[in-house]
Each structure stands twice: as structure tokens, then as C-alpha cells.
Amino acid sequence: MIKVDIFSGFLGAGKTTLIKKLIEEAYKGEKLVLIENEFGEIGIDGGFLKDAGVEINEMNSGCICCSLVGDFGKALEQVIEKFQPERILIEPSGVGKLSDIITAVENLELDEVQLNGFTTVVDAKKAKIYMKNFGEFFNNQVEHASSIILSHTADMDEAKLAKAVELLREHNTHATIIATDWEKLTGKQILDAMENKDTIEEALHMLEEEHHHHHEHHHHHEHGEVCGCGCGHDHHDHHGHHHADEVFDSIGMETTKKYTVEKIQKALEVLDDDETYGMILRAKGIVEAEDGSWIHFDYVPGEPDVRTGAAGIIGRLCVIGAGVNQEEIHKLFEI
């Protein structure tokens, strides 16, 4: 099976830089072909890619997604025949519609080709203006993305970055968003996010698994008691009782807000207040600190654990409990 990754993004968003980083750090050892089709932009420096073992099929004779749909198919078939790659990266013109490119690949009906991910690179500083002036193209790239990678976020004002994420979320609720400066992330982290192996849903799922596992095997009394509704067995269906999602609430949040260790520590200490927040059994998160480091935290009742660690792709928190007051949790973390 040949994976096809499509990288869309407006001119100057940084697609080329991102692809270079991924080739150097994430796609190592894979047989890769890059098809690029730029519209008035200089393609990736061929020499660099030859060194990385990548053959380029330069298609600078037109736009993949419009007049060249037929020829694009032929080019793709030739690439597959000639190089038998494990993965094909398509870097279409910055002004192309992502939906056209996806359709073009789907229409080829090539059995061995699997559309793997649609990544849109967005210049965080220009999201608002592009949305306003080039909405038809820009929004199409955002709406059809499975992951959205923000560029130029390093020295950006916190409120402006939060606004950019909010605007993108209005057009796409499901994509994984990377808001952290790429310098702080590894290519592998970026690829995992692009392939949706690093999402809030995934993190929540793992937390829930861990939570169930925790109760089944350890029977920690203090946790059993805070559960209230006999969660030692109810949510396992051993006795035909409630299913987990009837008893527990799990909420996942993403944020570009910056915190201090003290602030997180205080927030976790007050989570013991059942009246205000509901019965919180577990909280976990990775958020950016004001000094540029990243705060990792983990909470079980009465035991907050706060430390610093590696950067995350965007600040994220997960909270699991019974009768969780979502509004108060959002307020507590100022999200």
C-alpha cells in the first residue's frame, strides 16, 4: 500500500520548510517520492532531496488541481511504476483548493494508493486576512485538512495566536492543530499529529483505558471511594450496570495560553472541591509556560504532580470524573 500525503498551504506559509524537516527527521528509511507543482514559486532545491534519497518528478507545467487533473493521474501512475515508493508526498500549488486535489487522487481509483493525510500549513499571522480576502481558497484548504500546522508562531502575541486557532476551529472542528513553534518539536511528533496519533481523543481514550485498568487491577481504596457510584464494577458491565460513558464525563481542551507552574499547582489543588468541579478522578495535561518551557501535569485526588518536560504540539488538558462541571473547569484553566 502506498501512502499519499498532501501538503496544502498558501504561498509562503512554509510547506517546503515543513517537508524538509519531515524528510530529515520523520520519513527516514521510507521510500519517498515528492511530487511538487508550484504556481510561480521556486520548487524545493533538488540537490537536497537527491541526498535524502528522494526522486523528484517536477511538474511545473501547470496546476495539479485544475487543468492538469488528467495528466496528474498519468504522472502519478508513472511515479508508482518507476519508483515503487512507500509514500508519495504531493505539494500542490499554494493557490489550489485542497478538495480538488483529494478528488483528483480519488478519481484515479488506484488500488495500491491510500490517501493518508491532508495537512494544511497556515501562517498564523495571516490567517485572519487570508480568510477575509481569499476565503474561497484559504477556507477550502482549512476545511478539508486532517491536520493544520501553524507557522510563524514563535514570537506571536498570545491573544492573536489564540484568535487564529479560534478562527481555524470555526472552519474545522476535527483537525489536529499544531500551534507550537516547530523548532521545539521533532519531525516524529509532527508526523504523529498529522497521522492523528496525537489527538485529544487519543489522549482521552488512553486516560480512560488507564483509569479502567487502574480500578480493575489495583483497587486503590481512596480512588474507589471518591468514585461514589461503585465504579469498581459498574462501568465494566460485570453486573450489567452502567456503561462507563453513562457514569463518567471526560473533557478534552486545547489552548495556546501560557501558564506558570504555580498557577497549575493551585488549579490542581482546588480540583478536590467536589461542590464546584464535580468529582474529578483524573486530570492530565501539557501546556506552555510563560518562560517558553512546557508544564506537564498529572492529578489524582489529593496528589497533584507538576513538572516540566518536552513541548507538545498545542497546549492540551484532559479531565475525567463524574458530574464534571465543564464551565468551572474551563474557568479554572482560563480557557
Protein backbone atom coordinates (compact mmCIF):
# COMPACT_ATOMS: atom_id res chain seq x y z
CA MET A 1 0.00 0.00 0.00
CA ILE A 2 1.35 3.43 -0.94
CA LYS A 3 0.51 6.23 1.46
CA VAL A 4 -0.25 9.59 -0.10
CA ASP A 5 0.22 12.73 1.99
CA ILE A 6 -0.99 16.04 0.59
CA PHE A 7 0.51 19.28 1.89
CA SER A 8 -1.52 22.35 1.11
CA GLY A 9 -1.00 25.90 2.29
CA PHE A 10 -0.94 29.40 0.95
CA LEU A 11 2.15 30.80 -0.74
CA GLY A 12 4.86 31.46 1.80
CA ALA A 13 3.21 29.51 4.63
CA GLY A 14 6.26 27.27 4.96
CA LYS A 15 5.23 23.99 3.29
CA THR A 16 8.73 23.50 1.87
CA THR A 17 10.41 24.03 5.24
CA LEU A 18 7.99 21.60 6.87
CA ILE A 19 8.54 18.92 4.21
CA LYS A 20 12.32 19.30 4.59
CA LYS A 21 12.03 18.82 8.36
CA LEU A 22 9.85 15.74 7.95
CA ILE A 23 12.19 14.19 5.36
CA GLU A 24 15.16 14.74 7.67
CA GLU A 25 13.51 13.67 10.91
CA ALA A 26 10.38 11.60 10.32
CA TYR A 27 10.33 9.76 6.99
CA LYS A 28 13.80 8.26 7.39
CA GLY A 29 14.14 4.85 5.78
CA GLU A 30 10.93 5.15 3.78
CA LYS A 31 11.00 5.10 0.01
CA LEU A 32 9.64 8.53 -0.80
CA VAL A 33 8.59 10.42 -3.87
CA LEU A 34 7.73 14.09 -3.75
CA ILE A 35 5.51 15.50 -6.45
CA GLU A 36 5.54 19.22 -6.36
CA ASN A 37 3.63 21.54 -8.53
CA GLU A 38 4.22 25.14 -7.69
CA PHE A 39 2.48 28.08 -9.18
CA GLY A 40 5.13 30.73 -9.66
CA GLU A 41 7.10 29.54 -6.63
CA ILE A 42 10.57 28.05 -6.77
CA GLY A 43 10.41 24.32 -6.07
CA ILE A 44 12.45 22.60 -3.36
CA ASP A 45 16.15 22.57 -4.08
CA GLY A 46 16.66 19.32 -5.99
CA GLY A 47 20.15 18.66 -4.62
CA PHE A 48 18.93 18.50 -1.05
CA LEU A 49 16.33 15.89 -1.91
CA LYS A 50 18.62 13.70 -4.00
CA ASP A 51 20.84 13.43 -0.92
CA ALA A 52 17.86 12.26 1.09
CA GLY A 53 17.20 9.54 -1.48
CA VAL A 54 14.14 11.23 -2.92
CA GLU A 55 13.45 11.41 -6.62
CA ILE A 56 11.60 14.47 -7.80
CA ASN A 57 9.06 14.46 -10.52
CA GLU A 58 8.82 18.20 -11.11
CA MET A 59 5.52 19.18 -12.59
CA ASN A 60 5.86 22.88 -13.00
CA SER A 61 3.86 22.97 -16.20
CA GLY A 62 0.52 23.82 -14.66
CA CYS A 63 -1.69 23.30 -11.68
CA ILE A 64 -2.37 19.76 -10.43
CA CYS A 65 -5.82 20.61 -9.30
CA CYS A 66 -7.37 22.18 -12.35
CA SER A 67 -6.26 21.88 -15.98
CA LEU A 68 -3.87 19.05 -15.22
CA VAL A 69 -6.17 16.58 -13.48
CA GLY A 70 -5.84 14.08 -16.34
CA ASP A 71 -2.08 14.41 -16.72
CA PHE A 72 -1.63 14.40 -12.98
CA GLY A 73 -3.07 10.89 -12.99
CA LYS A 74 -0.62 9.78 -15.65
CA ALA A 75 2.26 11.35 -13.73
CA LEU A 76 1.22 9.59 -10.54
CA GLU A 77 0.98 6.24 -12.31
CA GLN A 78 4.43 6.73 -13.87
CA VAL A 79 5.91 7.65 -10.49
CA ILE A 80 4.46 4.49 -8.94
CA GLU A 81 5.68 2.31 -11.80
CA LYS A 82 9.14 3.82 -11.93
CA PHE A 83 9.96 4.20 -8.23
CA GLN A 84 7.56 1.91 -6.36
CA PRO A 85 7.54 4.28 -3.40
CA GLU A 86 6.13 3.52 0.04
CA ARG A 87 4.91 7.09 0.38
CA ILE A 88 4.15 9.90 -2.04
CA LEU A 89 4.17 13.50 -0.87
CA ILE A 90 2.17 15.89 -3.00
CA GLU A 91 2.95 19.56 -2.61
CA PRO A 92 0.44 21.32 -4.82
CA SER A 93 0.28 24.97 -5.78
CA GLY A 94 -0.28 27.38 -2.91
CA VAL A 95 -3.41 28.70 -4.55
CA GLY A 96 -5.02 25.32 -5.22
CA LYS A 97 -8.13 24.03 -3.50
CA LEU A 98 -7.34 21.06 -1.29
CA SER A 99 -10.68 19.39 -2.12
CA ASP A 100 -9.77 19.37 -5.86
CA ILE A 101 -6.51 17.59 -5.18
CA ILE A 102 -8.13 14.99 -2.92
CA THR A 103 -10.77 14.36 -5.59
CA ALA A 104 -8.12 14.11 -8.31
CA VAL A 105 -6.31 11.36 -6.38
CA GLU A 106 -9.55 9.56 -5.51
CA ASN A 107 -10.74 9.64 -9.14
CA LEU A 108 -7.67 7.72 -10.26
CA GLU A 109 -9.05 4.68 -8.41
CA LEU A 110 -5.59 3.22 -7.96
CA ASP A 111 -5.93 0.17 -5.72
CA GLU A 112 -2.47 0.42 -4.18
CA VAL A 113 -2.85 4.09 -3.25
CA GLN A 114 -4.19 5.10 0.14
CA LEU A 115 -4.92 8.74 0.95
CA ASN A 116 -3.18 9.08 4.28
CA GLY A 117 -3.31 12.67 5.45
CA PHE A 118 -4.23 16.14 4.33
CA THR A 119 -2.02 18.68 6.02
CA THR A 120 -2.59 22.40 5.67
CA VAL A 121 0.16 24.79 6.69
CA VAL A 122 -1.19 28.15 7.85
CA ASP A 123 0.82 31.30 8.54
CA ALA A 124 -0.69 32.13 11.94
CA LYS A 125 -0.07 35.85 11.43
CA LYS A 126 -2.01 35.92 8.18
CA ALA A 127 -4.93 33.57 8.89
CA LYS A 128 -7.38 36.38 9.55
CA ILE A 129 -6.52 38.46 6.49
CA TYR A 130 -6.40 35.46 4.13
CA MET A 131 -9.74 34.25 5.40
CA LYS A 132 -11.21 37.64 4.66
CA ASN A 133 -9.60 38.24 1.25
CA PHE A 134 -9.13 34.76 -0.23
CA GLY A 135 -11.79 32.88 1.69
CA GLU A 136 -12.82 30.59 -1.15
CA PHE A 137 -9.35 29.05 -1.46
CA PHE A 138 -7.98 29.53 2.02
CA ASN A 139 -11.08 28.17 3.80
CA ASN A 140 -11.19 25.19 1.45
CA GLN A 141 -7.65 24.28 2.49
CA VAL A 142 -8.60 24.62 6.15
CA GLU A 143 -11.93 22.79 5.95
CA HIS A 144 -10.55 19.70 4.21
CA ALA A 145 -7.43 19.33 6.37
CA SER A 146 -6.95 16.38 8.70
CA SER A 147 -4.21 18.37 10.42
CA ILE A 148 -3.45 22.09 10.46
CA ILE A 149 0.10 23.18 11.18
CA LEU A 150 0.59 26.81 12.15
CA SER A 151 3.81 28.52 11.09
CA HIS A 152 5.44 31.74 12.36
CA THR A 153 4.07 31.32 15.89
CA ALA A 154 7.40 31.73 17.73
CA ASP A 155 7.17 35.43 18.61
CA MET A 156 3.45 35.87 18.24
CA ASP A 157 1.27 37.72 20.71
CA GLU A 158 -0.63 35.20 22.88
CA ALA A 159 -4.07 36.72 22.25
CA LYS A 160 -3.50 36.86 18.48
CA LEU A 161 -2.42 33.22 18.38
CA ALA A 162 -5.49 32.17 20.39
CA LYS A 163 -7.66 34.15 17.95
CA ALA A 164 -6.05 32.45 14.93
CA VAL A 165 -6.74 28.99 16.44
CA GLU A 166 -10.31 30.03 17.20
CA LEU A 167 -10.88 31.19 13.59
CA LEU A 168 -9.50 27.92 12.22
CA ARG A 169 -11.65 25.90 14.62
CA GLU A 170 -14.75 27.70 13.27
CA HIS A 171 -13.97 26.15 9.89
CA ASN A 172 -12.67 22.79 11.09
CA THR A 173 -13.62 21.19 14.41
CA HIS A 174 -11.87 17.84 13.93
CA ALA A 175 -8.36 18.53 12.58
CA THR A 176 -5.36 18.17 14.85
CA ILE A 177 -3.88 21.65 15.25
CA ILE A 178 -0.17 22.23 15.87
CA ALA A 179 0.42 25.68 17.33
CA THR A 180 3.86 25.17 18.89
CA ASP A 181 6.93 26.60 17.17
CA TRP A 182 8.35 23.76 15.00
CA GLU A 183 11.83 24.31 16.40
CA LYS A 184 10.62 22.83 19.69
CA LEU A 185 9.09 19.75 18.09
CA THR A 186 10.62 16.69 16.46
CA GLY A 187 9.62 15.62 12.96
CA LYS A 188 8.24 12.44 14.56
CA GLN A 189 5.92 14.48 16.83
CA ILE A 190 4.66 16.40 13.82
CA LEU A 191 4.13 13.23 11.79
CA ASP A 192 2.24 11.56 14.67
CA ALA A 193 -0.03 14.59 14.85
CA MET A 194 -0.52 14.57 11.06
CA GLU A 195 -1.46 10.90 11.19
CA ASN A 196 -3.79 11.58 14.12
CA LYS A 197 -1.79 9.50 16.55
CA ASP A 198 -1.58 12.50 18.81
CA THR A 199 -5.03 13.96 19.36
CA ILE A 200 -7.15 14.92 22.34
CA GLU A 201 -9.45 11.96 21.56
CA GLU A 202 -6.46 9.64 21.60
CA ALA A 203 -5.21 11.14 24.88
CA LEU A 204 -8.65 10.85 26.44
CA HIS A 205 -9.02 7.30 25.23
CA MET A 206 -5.67 6.37 26.78
CA LEU A 207 -6.60 8.11 30.01
CA GLU A 208 -9.89 6.23 30.19
CA GLU A 209 -8.17 2.91 29.45
CA GLU A 210 -5.63 3.68 32.15
CA HIS A 211 -8.42 4.64 34.53
CA HIS A 212 -10.33 1.37 33.99
CA HIS A 213 -7.13 -0.62 34.21
CA HIS A 214 -6.25 1.19 37.43
CA HIS A 215 -9.53 0.14 39.07
CA GLU A 216 -9.57 -3.42 37.81
CA HIS A 217 -6.09 -4.30 38.91
CA HIS A 218 -5.20 -2.12 41.85
CA HIS A 219 -8.42 -1.43 43.78
CA HIS A 220 -6.92 1.63 45.42
CA HIS A 221 -9.45 2.36 48.17
CA GLU A 222 -9.04 6.08 48.15
CA HIS A 223 -9.96 6.16 44.44
CA GLY A 224 -12.75 3.64 44.87
CA GLU A 225 -14.36 5.86 47.47
CA VAL A 226 -14.21 9.11 45.52
CA CYS A 227 -15.93 7.32 42.66
CA GLY A 228 -19.18 7.29 44.52
CA CYS A 229 -21.14 5.02 42.26
CA GLY A 230 -19.30 1.77 42.75
CA CYS A 231 -17.14 2.33 39.71
CA GLY A 232 -15.04 -0.63 40.78
CA HIS A 233 -17.52 -2.66 38.75
CA ASP A 234 -20.34 -0.54 37.35
CA HIS A 235 -18.51 0.75 34.34
CA HIS A 236 -17.08 -2.63 33.49
CA ASP A 237 -20.54 -4.06 32.92
CA HIS A 238 -19.67 -7.07 35.07
CA HIS A 239 -23.12 -6.95 36.62
CA GLY A 240 -25.00 -5.40 33.73
CA HIS A 241 -24.79 -1.98 35.40
CA HIS A 242 -23.96 1.38 33.80
CA HIS A 243 -21.53 1.69 30.99
CA ALA A 244 -18.54 3.98 31.58
CA ASP A 245 -19.85 6.82 29.48
CA GLU A 246 -23.08 6.94 31.50
CA VAL A 247 -21.15 7.38 34.72
CA PHE A 248 -18.07 9.34 33.69
CA ASP A 249 -17.53 12.56 31.84
CA SER A 250 -14.28 13.17 30.07
CA ILE A 251 -13.45 16.54 28.62
CA GLY A 252 -10.53 17.48 26.42
CA MET A 253 -9.45 21.05 25.81
CA GLU A 254 -6.79 22.67 23.71
CA THR A 255 -5.25 26.04 24.41
CA THR A 256 -2.40 28.28 23.34
CA LYS A 257 -2.48 30.06 26.72
CA LYS A 258 0.74 30.26 28.71
CA TYR A 259 0.78 29.34 32.43
CA THR A 260 3.14 29.24 35.38
CA VAL A 261 3.91 26.14 37.45
CA GLU A 262 2.36 27.91 40.49
CA LYS A 263 -0.85 28.57 38.61
CA ILE A 264 -1.22 24.94 37.54
CA GLN A 265 -0.32 23.70 41.03
CA LYS A 266 -3.04 25.92 42.57
CA ALA A 267 -5.60 24.86 39.96
CA LEU A 268 -4.95 21.18 40.70
CA GLU A 269 -5.16 21.73 44.46
CA VAL A 270 -8.65 23.20 44.18
CA LEU A 271 -9.89 20.33 41.97
CA ASP A 272 -10.59 18.44 45.23
CA ASP A 273 -13.59 20.75 45.67
CA ASP A 274 -16.39 18.39 44.53
CA GLU A 275 -19.09 21.02 45.03
CA THR A 276 -17.61 23.33 42.41
CA TYR A 277 -16.00 21.00 39.90
CA GLY A 278 -17.77 17.66 40.27
CA MET A 279 -15.97 14.51 41.33
CA ILE A 280 -12.67 14.72 39.48
CA LEU A 281 -10.82 11.40 39.29
CA ARG A 282 -8.03 12.29 36.94
CA ALA A 283 -6.58 15.28 35.14
CA LYS A 284 -3.64 15.36 32.82
CA GLY A 285 -2.10 17.98 30.59
CA ILE A 286 0.81 19.52 28.76
CA VAL A 287 0.71 23.31 28.49
CA GLU A 288 3.21 26.01 27.63
CA ALA A 289 4.79 28.06 30.39
CA GLU A 290 5.35 31.81 30.30
CA ASP A 291 9.11 31.25 30.14
CA GLY A 292 8.82 29.11 26.99
CA SER A 293 9.25 25.75 28.75
CA TRP A 294 6.38 23.23 28.90
CA ILE A 295 4.49 22.17 32.01
CA HIS A 296 3.37 18.53 32.31
CA PHE A 297 0.84 17.73 34.99
CA ASP A 298 -0.97 14.73 36.31
CA TYR A 299 -3.63 14.71 39.01
CA VAL A 300 -5.40 12.08 41.07
CA PRO A 301 -7.38 13.30 44.10
CA GLY A 302 -5.06 14.81 46.68
CA GLU A 303 -1.96 14.12 44.59
CA PRO A 304 -1.11 16.84 42.08
CA ASP A 305 2.11 16.18 40.17
CA VAL A 306 3.53 19.15 38.22
CA ARG A 307 6.84 19.10 36.36
CA THR A 308 8.40 20.47 33.17
CA GLY A 309 9.04 18.39 30.07
CA ALA A 310 9.07 18.24 26.28
CA ALA A 311 6.96 20.57 24.15
CA GLY A 312 3.50 19.49 22.99
CA ILE A 313 2.04 20.31 19.55
CA ILE A 314 -0.52 22.61 21.22
CA GLY A 315 -1.42 23.07 24.90
CA ARG A 316 -3.88 20.34 25.96
CA LEU A 317 -5.69 19.20 29.08
CA CYS A 318 -7.92 16.23 29.80
CA VAL A 319 -10.19 15.87 32.82
CA ILE A 320 -12.14 12.75 33.81
CA GLY A 321 -14.69 12.46 36.56
CA ALA A 322 -18.35 12.09 37.47
CA GLY A 323 -20.69 15.07 37.16
CA VAL A 324 -17.88 17.27 35.87
CA ASN A 325 -18.79 20.95 35.74
CA GLN A 326 -17.32 21.79 32.37
CA GLU A 327 -17.87 25.53 32.71
CA GLU A 328 -15.99 25.71 36.02
CA ILE A 329 -13.11 23.62 34.64
CA HIS A 330 -12.78 25.99 31.67
CA LYS A 331 -12.86 28.93 34.06
CA LEU A 332 -10.24 27.35 36.33
CA PHE A 333 -7.76 26.96 33.47
CA GLU A 334 -8.87 30.28 31.95
CA ILE A 335 -9.83 28.70 28.65
